[in-house]
C-alpha cells in the first residue's frame, strides 16, 4: 500500500474524513492551528487532527505543541482553566 493510500485509509477509518474534507477544514482555519493560530502544513507531520477521544468527533487541526498541550491536560477544561488562573497570578 502506498503512503498516499495509507494516509487515506487512516483518515477515513480513524477520523471518518476524506483528504478533501481535511483540506477544507485546513482552509477554513486559514491554514493555521485552531488554538495558537501558527501556520500549519496540510497533513504535515507537525499538524494533528484534534478529536474528542470519547465521542471521536473531529474538532479541528492543531500544531504539535497545542495538540500535546491538550493531551497533557487530558482534554479537561477544568484543568486548563486552573492552569490559566495559575499563570495569570504571575503576570
PDB file of N, CA and C in Angstrom:
ATOM      1  N   UNK A   1       0.853  -1.172   0.000  1.00  0.00           N
ATOM      2  CA  UNK A   1       0.000   0.000   0.000  1.00  0.00           C
ATOM      3  C   UNK A   1       0.906   1.244   0.000  1.00  0.00           C
ATOM      4  N   UNK A   2       0.645   2.194  -0.889  1.00  0.00           N
ATOM      5  CA  UNK A   2       1.456   3.413  -0.979  1.00  0.00           C
ATOM      6  C   UNK A   2       1.196   4.311   0.224  1.00  0.00           C
ATOM      7  N   UNK A   3       2.110   5.253   0.455  1.00  0.00           N
ATOM      8  CA  UNK A   3       1.972   6.204   1.566  1.00  0.00           C
ATOM      9  C   UNK A   3       0.656   6.978   1.450  1.00  0.00           C
ATOM     10  N   UNK A   4       0.311   7.373   0.219  1.00  0.00           N
ATOM     11  CA  UNK A   4      -0.928   8.116  -0.006  1.00  0.00           C
ATOM     12  C   UNK A   4      -2.149   7.281   0.367  1.00  0.00           C
ATOM     13  N   UNK A   5      -2.146   6.011  -0.010  1.00  0.00           N
ATOM     14  CA  UNK A   5      -3.272   5.135   0.316  1.00  0.00           C
ATOM     15  C   UNK A   5      -3.349   4.857   1.815  1.00  0.00           C
ATOM     16  N   UNK A   6      -2.200   4.741   2.460  1.00  0.00           N
ATOM     17  CA  UNK A   6      -2.183   4.544   3.920  1.00  0.00           C
ATOM     18  C   UNK A   6      -2.793   5.754   4.602  1.00  0.00           C
ATOM     19  N   UNK A   7      -2.417   6.955   4.136  1.00  0.00           N
ATOM     20  CA  UNK A   7      -2.948   8.186   4.724  1.00  0.00           C
ATOM     21  C   UNK A   7      -4.465   8.272   4.525  1.00  0.00           C
ATOM     22  N   UNK A   8      -4.940   7.962   3.319  1.00  0.00           N
ATOM     23  CA  UNK A   8      -6.385   7.979   3.041  1.00  0.00           C
ATOM     24  C   UNK A   8      -7.120   6.996   3.971  1.00  0.00           C
ATOM     25  N   UNK A   9      -6.553   5.804   4.111  1.00  0.00           N
ATOM     26  CA  UNK A   9      -7.149   4.770   4.965  1.00  0.00           C
ATOM     27  C   UNK A   9      -7.219   5.262   6.414  1.00  0.00           C
ATOM     28  N   UNK A  10      -6.132   5.835   6.905  1.00  0.00           N
ATOM     29  CA  UNK A  10      -6.087   6.335   8.283  1.00  0.00           C
ATOM     30  C   UNK A  10      -7.108   7.441   8.494  1.00  0.00           C
ATOM     31  N   UNK A  11      -7.151   8.400   7.572  1.00  0.00           N
ATOM     32  CA  UNK A  11      -8.115   9.496   7.691  1.00  0.00           C
ATOM     33  C   UNK A  11      -9.549   8.971   7.740  1.00  0.00           C
ATOM     34  N   UNK A  12      -9.849   8.021   6.863  1.00  0.00           N
ATOM     35  CA  UNK A  12     -11.217   7.508   6.759  1.00  0.00           C
ATOM     36  C   UNK A  12     -11.615   6.685   7.982  1.00  0.00           C
ATOM     37  N   UNK A  13     -10.744   5.787   8.406  1.00  0.00           N
ATOM     38  CA  UNK A  13     -11.132   4.859   9.465  1.00  0.00           C
ATOM     39  C   UNK A  13     -10.859   5.366  10.873  1.00  0.00           C
ATOM     40  N   UNK A  14      -9.902   6.243  11.031  1.00  0.00           N
ATOM     41  CA  UNK A  14      -9.636   6.787  12.365  1.00  0.00           C
ATOM     42  C   UNK A  14     -10.492   8.017  12.644  1.00  0.00           C
ATOM     43  N   UNK A  15     -10.664   8.869  11.609  1.00  0.00           N
ATOM     44  CA  UNK A  15     -11.369  10.134  11.811  1.00  0.00           C
ATOM     45  C   UNK A  15     -12.656  10.273  11.004  1.00  0.00           C
ATOM     46  N   UNK A  16     -12.922   9.370  10.057  1.00  0.00           N
ATOM     47  CA  UNK A  16     -14.109   9.464   9.231  1.00  0.00           C
ATOM     48  C   UNK A  16     -14.045  10.585   8.205  1.00  0.00           C
ATOM     49  N   UNK A  17     -12.832  10.975   7.811  1.00  0.00           N
ATOM     50  CA  UNK A  17     -12.637  12.093   6.895  1.00  0.00           C
ATOM     51  C   UNK A  17     -11.968  11.667   5.599  1.00  0.00           C
ATOM     52  N   UNK A  18     -12.269  12.392   4.543  1.00  0.00           N
ATOM     53  CA  UNK A  18     -11.537  12.234   3.294  1.00  0.00           C
ATOM     54  C   UNK A  18     -10.430  13.289   3.269  1.00  0.00           C
ATOM     55  N   UNK A  19      -9.413  13.111   2.438  1.00  0.00           N
ATOM     56  CA  UNK A  19      -8.387  14.152   2.313  1.00  0.00           C
ATOM     57  C   UNK A  19      -8.994  15.502   1.905  1.00  0.00           C
ATOM     58  N   UNK A  20     -10.047  15.464   1.095  1.00  0.00           N
ATOM     59  CA  UNK A  20     -10.697  16.694   0.666  1.00  0.00           C
ATOM     60  C   UNK A  20     -11.370  17.416   1.855  1.00  0.00           C
ATOM     61  N   UNK A  21     -11.954  16.658   2.758  1.00  0.00           N
ATOM     62  CA  UNK A  21     -12.572  17.261   3.944  1.00  0.00           C
ATOM     63  C   UNK A  21     -11.514  17.881   4.852  1.00  0.00           C
ATOM     64  N   UNK A  22     -10.367  17.214   4.964  1.00  0.00           N
ATOM     65  CA  UNK A  22      -9.284  17.767   5.776  1.00  0.00           C
ATOM     66  C   UNK A  22      -8.777  19.055   5.138  1.00  0.00           C
ATOM     67  N   UNK A  23      -8.647  19.064   3.816  1.00  0.00           N
ATOM     68  CA  UNK A  23      -8.199  20.276   3.129  1.00  0.00           C
ATOM     69  C   UNK A  23      -9.192  21.411   3.353  1.00  0.00           C
ATOM     70  N   UNK A  24     -10.484  21.141   3.306  1.00  0.00           N
ATOM     71  CA  UNK A  24     -11.500  22.165   3.545  1.00  0.00           C
ATOM     72  C   UNK A  24     -11.377  22.717   4.967  1.00  0.00           C
ATOM     73  N   UNK A  25     -11.212  21.838   5.941  1.00  0.00           N
ATOM     74  CA  UNK A  25     -11.032  22.263   7.329  1.00  0.00           C
ATOM     75  C   UNK A  25      -9.798  23.148   7.465  1.00  0.00           C
ATOM     76  N   UNK A  26      -8.709  22.736   6.829  1.00  0.00           N
ATOM     77  CA  UNK A  26      -7.454  23.494   6.839  1.00  0.00           C
ATOM     78  C   UNK A  26      -7.665  24.889   6.246  1.00  0.00           C
ATOM     79  N   UNK A  27      -8.388  24.955   5.138  1.00  0.00           N
ATOM     80  CA  UNK A  27      -8.659  26.245   4.505  1.00  0.00           C
ATOM     81  C   UNK A  27      -9.584  27.099   5.376  1.00  0.00           C
ATOM     82  N   UNK A  28     -10.592  26.481   6.017  1.00  0.00           N
ATOM     83  CA  UNK A  28     -11.499  27.222   6.907  1.00  0.00           C
ATOM     84  C   UNK A  28     -10.749  27.805   8.102  1.00  0.00           C
ATOM     85  N   UNK A  29      -9.694  27.146   8.519  1.00  0.00           N
ATOM     86  CA  UNK A  29      -8.872  27.632   9.632  1.00  0.00           C
ATOM     87  C   UNK A  29      -7.760  28.560   9.136  1.00  0.00           C
ATOM     88  N   UNK A  30      -7.838  28.989   7.897  1.00  0.00           N
ATOM     89  CA  UNK A  30      -6.827  29.874   7.296  1.00  0.00           C
ATOM     90  C   UNK A  30      -5.428  29.288   7.371  1.00  0.00           C
ATOM     91  N   UNK A  31      -5.354  27.959   7.243  1.00  0.00           N
ATOM     92  CA  UNK A  31      -4.083  27.231   7.240  1.00  0.00           C
ATOM     93  C   UNK A  31      -3.303  27.428   8.541  1.00  0.00           C
ATOM     94  N   UNK A  32      -4.050  27.570   9.631  1.00  0.00           N
ATOM     95  CA  UNK A  32      -3.436  27.833  10.940  1.00  0.00           C
ATOM     96  C   UNK A  32      -3.990  26.895  12.009  1.00  0.00           C
ATOM     97  N   UNK A  33      -3.223  26.748  13.072  1.00  0.00           N
ATOM     98  CA  UNK A  33      -3.649  25.972  14.237  1.00  0.00           C
ATOM     99  C   UNK A  33      -4.906  26.618  14.821  1.00  0.00           C
ATOM    100  N   UNK A  34      -5.879  25.808  15.211  1.00  0.00           N
ATOM    101  CA  UNK A  34      -7.141  26.310  15.746  1.00  0.00           C
ATOM    102  C   UNK A  34      -6.985  26.955  17.123  1.00  0.00           C
ATOM    103  N   UNK A  35      -5.848  26.749  17.791  1.00  0.00           N
ATOM    104  CA  UNK A  35      -5.655  27.319  19.123  1.00  0.00           C
ATOM    105  C   UNK A  35      -4.699  28.508  19.105  1.00  0.00           C
ATOM    106  N   UNK A  36      -3.484  28.314  18.628  1.00  0.00           N
ATOM    107  CA  UNK A  36      -2.465  29.379  18.709  1.00  0.00           C
ATOM    108  C   UNK A  36      -2.329  30.171  17.416  1.00  0.00           C
ATOM    109  N   UNK A  37      -2.983  29.722  16.366  1.00  0.00           N
ATOM    110  CA  UNK A  37      -3.007  30.385  15.063  1.00  0.00           C
ATOM    111  C   UNK A  37      -1.666  30.412  14.323  1.00  0.00           C
ATOM    112  N   UNK A  38      -0.709  29.568  14.740  1.00  0.00           N
ATOM    113  CA  UNK A  38       0.531  29.486  13.971  1.00  0.00           C
ATOM    114  C   UNK A  38       0.237  28.725  12.676  1.00  0.00           C
ATOM    115  N   UNK A  39       0.983  29.001  11.605  1.00  0.00           N
ATOM    116  CA  UNK A  39       0.742  28.285  10.345  1.00  0.00           C
ATOM    117  C   UNK A  39       0.984  26.781  10.512  1.00  0.00           C
ATOM    118  N   UNK A  40       0.134  25.996   9.883  1.00  0.00           N
ATOM    119  CA  UNK A  40       0.320  24.540   9.874  1.00  0.00           C
ATOM    120  C   UNK A  40       0.245  24.042   8.435  1.00  0.00           C
ATOM    121  N   UNK A  41       1.011  23.024   8.141  1.00  0.00           N
ATOM    122  CA  UNK A  41       1.014  22.434   6.804  1.00  0.00           C
ATOM    123  C   UNK A  41      -0.172  21.490   6.665  1.00  0.00           C
ATOM    124  N   UNK A  42      -0.705  21.408   5.480  1.00  0.00           N
ATOM    125  CA  UNK A  42      -1.788  20.469   5.225  1.00  0.00           C
ATOM    126  C   UNK A  42      -1.255  19.054   5.374  1.00  0.00           C
ATOM    127  N   UNK A  43      -1.746  18.334   6.371  1.00  0.00           N
ATOM    128  CA  UNK A  43      -1.358  16.952   6.650  1.00  0.00           C
ATOM    129  C   UNK A  43       0.150  16.775   6.834  1.00  0.00           C
ATOM    130  N   UNK A  44       0.816  17.813   7.347  1.00  0.00           N
ATOM    131  CA  UNK A  44       2.236  17.700   7.645  1.00  0.00           C
ATOM    132  C   UNK A  44       2.454  16.908   8.917  1.00  0.00           C
ATOM    133  N   UNK A  45       3.689  16.501   9.153  1.00  0.00           N
ATOM    134  CA  UNK A  45       3.994  15.719  10.351  1.00  0.00           C
ATOM    135  C   UNK A  45       3.728  16.510  11.627  1.00  0.00           C
ATOM    136  N   UNK A  46       3.815  17.834  11.543  1.00  0.00           N
ATOM    137  CA  UNK A  46       3.600  18.674  12.713  1.00  0.00           C
ATOM    138  C   UNK A  46       2.150  19.151  12.835  1.00  0.00           C
ATOM    139  N   UNK A  47       1.269  18.648  11.977  1.00  0.00           N
ATOM    140  CA  UNK A  47      -0.150  19.008  12.001  1.00  0.00           C
ATOM    141  C   UNK A  47      -0.947  17.813  12.499  1.00  0.00           C
ATOM    142  N   UNK A  48      -1.793  18.052  13.482  1.00  0.00           N
ATOM    143  CA  UNK A  48      -2.561  16.966  14.086  1.00  0.00           C
ATOM    144  C   UNK A  48      -4.060  17.208  13.934  1.00  0.00           C
ATOM    145  N   UNK A  49      -4.792  16.140  13.673  1.00  0.00           N
ATOM    146  CA  UNK A  49      -6.246  16.202  13.632  1.00  0.00           C
ATOM    147  C   UNK A  49      -6.718  15.997  15.060  1.00  0.00           C
ATOM    148  N   UNK A  50      -7.253  17.065  15.640  1.00  0.00           N
ATOM    149  CA  UNK A  50      -7.716  17.011  17.028  1.00  0.00           C
ATOM    150  C   UNK A  50      -9.126  16.440  17.046  1.00  0.00           C
ATOM    151  N   UNK A  51      -9.358  15.519  17.977  1.00  0.00           N
ATOM    152  CA  UNK A  51     -10.682  14.919  18.099  1.00  0.00           C
ATOM    153  C   UNK A  51     -10.958  14.603  19.553  1.00  0.00           C
ATOM    154  N   UNK A  52     -12.233  14.538  19.888  1.00  0.00           N
ATOM    155  CA  UNK A  52     -12.673  14.168  21.225  1.00  0.00           C
ATOM    156  C   UNK A  52     -12.513  12.656  21.342  1.00  0.00           C
ATOM    157  N   UNK A  53     -11.733  12.214  22.294  1.00  0.00           N
ATOM    158  CA  UNK A  53     -11.462  10.782  22.421  1.00  0.00           C
ATOM    159  C   UNK A  53     -12.682   9.990  22.897  1.00  0.00           C
ATOM    160  N   UNK A  54     -13.628  10.661  23.546  1.00  0.00           N
ATOM    161  CA  UNK A  54     -14.834   9.965  24.000  1.00  0.00           C
ATOM    162  C   UNK A  54     -15.848   9.802  22.868  1.00  0.00           C
ATOM    163  N   UNK A  55     -16.032  10.854  22.072  1.00  0.00           N
ATOM    164  CA  UNK A  55     -17.047  10.827  21.027  1.00  0.00           C
ATOM    165  C   UNK A  55     -16.475  10.591  19.635  1.00  0.00           C
ATOM    166  N   UNK A  56     -15.153  10.751  19.479  1.00  0.00           N
ATOM    167  CA  UNK A  56     -14.452  10.634  18.190  1.00  0.00           C
ATOM    168  C   UNK A  56     -14.785  11.779  17.236  1.00  0.00           C
ATOM    169  N   UNK A  57     -15.468  12.823  17.700  1.00  0.00           N
ATOM    170  CA  UNK A  57     -15.796  13.967  16.865  1.00  0.00           C
ATOM    171  C   UNK A  57     -14.545  14.797  16.617  1.00  0.00           C
ATOM    172  N   UNK A  58     -14.277  15.111  15.345  1.00  0.00           N
ATOM    173  CA  UNK A  58     -13.128  15.934  14.978  1.00  0.00           C
ATOM    174  C   UNK A  58     -13.431  17.381  15.354  1.00  0.00           C
ATOM    175  N   UNK A  59     -12.457  18.023  16.063  1.00  0.00           N
ATOM    176  CA  UNK A  59     -12.640  19.404  16.498  1.00  0.00           C
ATOM    177  C   UNK A  59     -11.903  20.390  15.609  1.00  0.00           C
ATOM    178  N   UNK A  60     -10.762  19.984  15.055  1.00  0.00           N
ATOM    179  CA  UNK A  60     -10.003  20.895  14.213  1.00  0.00           C
ATOM    180  C   UNK A  60      -8.594  20.396  13.994  1.00  0.00           C
ATOM    181  N   UNK A  61      -7.787  21.235  13.346  1.00  0.00           N
ATOM    182  CA  UNK A  61      -6.383  20.921  13.107  1.00  0.00           C
ATOM    183  C   UNK A  61      -5.538  21.740  14.068  1.00  0.00           C
ATOM    184  N   UNK A  62      -4.563  21.083  14.667  1.00  0.00           N
ATOM    185  CA  UNK A  62      -3.696  21.737  15.643  1.00  0.00           C
ATOM    186  C   UNK A  62      -2.230  21.538  15.289  1.00  0.00           C
ATOM    187  N   UNK A  63      -1.399  22.467  15.759  1.00  0.00           N
ATOM    188  CA  UNK A  63       0.048  22.266  15.668  1.00  0.00           C
ATOM    189  C   UNK A  63       0.436  21.225  16.715  1.00  0.00           C
ATOM    190  N   UNK A  64       1.606  20.690  16.600  1.00  0.00           N
ATOM    191  CA  UNK A  64       2.060  19.638  17.509  1.00  0.00           C
ATOM    192  C   UNK A  64       2.070  20.119  18.958  1.00  0.00           C
ATOM    193  N   UNK A  65       2.472  21.365  19.197  1.00  0.00           N
ATOM    194  CA  UNK A  65       2.549  21.857  20.575  1.00  0.00           C
ATOM    195  C   UNK A  65       1.176  21.972  21.228  1.00  0.00           C
ATOM    196  N   UNK A  66       0.211  22.526  20.511  1.00  0.00           N
ATOM    197  CA  UNK A  66      -1.139  22.642  21.081  1.00  0.00           C
ATOM    198  C   UNK A  66      -1.771  21.273  21.270  1.00  0.00           C
ATOM    199  N   UNK A  67      -1.553  20.371  20.329  1.00  0.00           N
ATOM    200  CA  UNK A  67      -2.088  19.018  20.463  1.00  0.00           C
ATOM    201  C   UNK A  67      -1.510  18.325  21.696  1.00  0.00           C
ATOM    202  N   UNK A  68      -0.210  18.453  21.893  1.00  0.00           N
ATOM    203  CA  UNK A  68       0.428  17.836  23.065  1.00  0.00           C
ATOM    204  C   UNK A  68      -0.050  18.504  24.346  1.00  0.00           C
ATOM    205  N   UNK A  69      -0.238  19.831  24.297  1.00  0.00           N
ATOM    206  CA  UNK A  69      -0.723  20.549  25.474  1.00  0.00           C
ATOM    207  C   UNK A  69      -2.083  20.040  25.918  1.00  0.00           C
ATOM    208  N   UNK A  70      -3.009  19.899  24.967  1.00  0.00           N
ATOM    209  CA  UNK A  70      -4.327  19.366  25.320  1.00  0.00           C
ATOM    210  C   UNK A  70      -4.209  17.953  25.886  1.00  0.00           C
ATOM    211  N   UNK A  71      -3.337  17.174  25.298  1.00  0.00           N
ATOM    212  CA  UNK A  71      -3.135  15.810  25.782  1.00  0.00           C
ATOM    213  C   UNK A  71      -2.594  15.776  27.195  1.00  0.00           C
ATOM    214  N   UNK A  72      -1.630  16.644  27.473  1.00  0.00           N
ATOM    215  CA  UNK A  72      -1.055  16.688  28.821  1.00  0.00           C
ATOM    216  C   UNK A  72      -2.081  17.142  29.861  1.00  0.00           C
ATOM    217  N   UNK A  73      -3.023  17.989  29.426  1.00  0.00           N
ATOM    218  CA  UNK A  73      -4.097  18.425  30.323  1.00  0.00           C
ATOM    219  C   UNK A  73      -5.309  17.511  30.237  1.00  0.00           C
ATOM    220  N   UNK A  74      -5.137  16.368  29.581  1.00  0.00           N
ATOM    221  CA  UNK A  74      -6.158  15.329  29.466  1.00  0.00           C
ATOM    222  C   UNK A  74      -7.485  15.847  28.893  1.00  0.00           C
ATOM    223  N   UNK A  75      -7.401  16.849  28.007  1.00  0.00           N
ATOM    224  CA  UNK A  75      -8.592  17.439  27.377  1.00  0.00           C
ATOM    225  C   UNK A  75      -9.621  17.892  28.418  1.00  0.00           C
ATOM    226  N   UNK A  76      -9.159  18.268  29.597  1.00  0.00           N
ATOM    227  CA  UNK A  76     -10.056  18.634  30.692  1.00  0.00           C
ATOM    228  C   UNK A  76     -10.129  20.155  30.827  1.00  0.00           C
ATOM    229  N   UNK A  77     -11.284  20.763  30.510  1.00  0.00           N
ATOM    230  CA  UNK A  77     -11.398  22.220  30.605  1.00  0.00           C
ATOM    231  C   UNK A  77     -11.115  22.757  32.007  1.00  0.00           C
ATOM    232  N   UNK A  78     -11.476  22.015  33.042  1.00  0.00           N
ATOM    233  CA  UNK A  78     -11.224  22.473  34.406  1.00  0.00           C
ATOM    234  C   UNK A  78      -9.720  22.601  34.669  1.00  0.00           C
ATOM    235  N   UNK A  79      -8.963  21.605  34.274  1.00  0.00           N
ATOM    236  CA  UNK A  79      -7.515  21.662  34.469  1.00  0.00           C
ATOM    237  C   UNK A  79      -6.918  22.812  33.656  1.00  0.00           C
ATOM    238  N   UNK A  80      -7.397  23.003  32.437  1.00  0.00           N
ATOM    239  CA  UNK A  80      -6.902  24.113  31.614  1.00  0.00           C
ATOM    240  C   UNK A  80      -7.228  25.459  32.253  1.00  0.00           C
ATOM    241  N   UNK A  81      -8.433  25.605  32.808  1.00  0.00           N
ATOM    242  CA  UNK A  81      -8.792  26.859  33.499  1.00  0.00           C
ATOM    243  C   UNK A  81      -7.906  27.077  34.713  1.00  0.00           C
ATOM    244  N   UNK A  82      -7.636  26.013  35.449  1.00  0.00           N
ATOM    245  CA  UNK A  82      -6.772  26.136  36.626  1.00  0.00           C
ATOM    246  C   UNK A  82      -5.360  26.549  36.215  1.00  0.00           C
ATOM    247  N   UNK A  83      -4.864  26.001  35.110  1.00  0.00           N
ATOM    248  CA  UNK A  83      -3.542  26.383  34.607  1.00  0.00           C
ATOM    249  C   UNK A  83      -3.533  27.852  34.201  1.00  0.00           C
ATOM    250  N   UNK A  84      -4.610  28.302  33.543  1.00  0.00           N
ATOM    251  CA  UNK A  84      -4.707  29.695  33.136  1.00  0.00           C
ATOM    252  C   UNK A  84      -4.695  30.610  34.367  1.00  0.00           C
ATOM    253  N   UNK A  85      -5.471  30.265  35.398  1.00  0.00           N
ATOM    254  CA  UNK A  85      -5.501  31.062  36.629  1.00  0.00           C
ATOM    255  C   UNK A  85      -4.123  31.097  37.287  1.00  0.00           C
ATOM    256  N   UNK A  86      -3.459  29.983  37.311  1.00  0.00           N
ATOM    257  CA  UNK A  86      -2.105  29.902  37.873  1.00  0.00           C
ATOM    258  C   UNK A  86      -1.163  30.862  37.144  1.00  0.00           C
ATOM    259  N   UNK A  87      -1.185  30.826  35.823  1.00  0.00           N
ATOM    260  CA  UNK A  87      -0.309  31.704  35.042  1.00  0.00           C
ATOM    261  C   UNK A  87      -0.678  33.173  35.220  1.00  0.00           C
ATOM    262  N   UNK A  88      -1.965  33.480  35.305  1.00  0.00           N
ATOM    263  CA  UNK A  88      -2.407  34.856  35.466  1.00  0.00           C
ATOM    264  C   UNK A  88      -1.920  35.465  36.787  1.00  0.00           C
ATOM    265  N   UNK A  89      -1.742  34.641  37.811  1.00  0.00           N
ATOM    266  CA  UNK A  89      -1.267  35.158  39.109  1.00  0.00           C
ATOM    267  C   UNK A  89       0.131  35.762  38.997  1.00  0.00           C
ATOM    268  N   UNK A  90       0.899  35.344  38.009  1.00  0.00           N
ATOM    269  CA  UNK A  90       2.291  35.757  37.894  1.00  0.00           C
ATOM    270  C   UNK A  90       2.519  36.777  36.783  1.00  0.00           C
ATOM    271  N   UNK A  91       1.469  37.385  36.268  1.00  0.00           N
ATOM    272  CA  UNK A  91       1.620  38.402  35.214  1.00  0.00           C
ATOM    273  C   UNK A  91       1.858  39.738  35.826  1.00  0.00           C
TER     274      UNK A  91
END
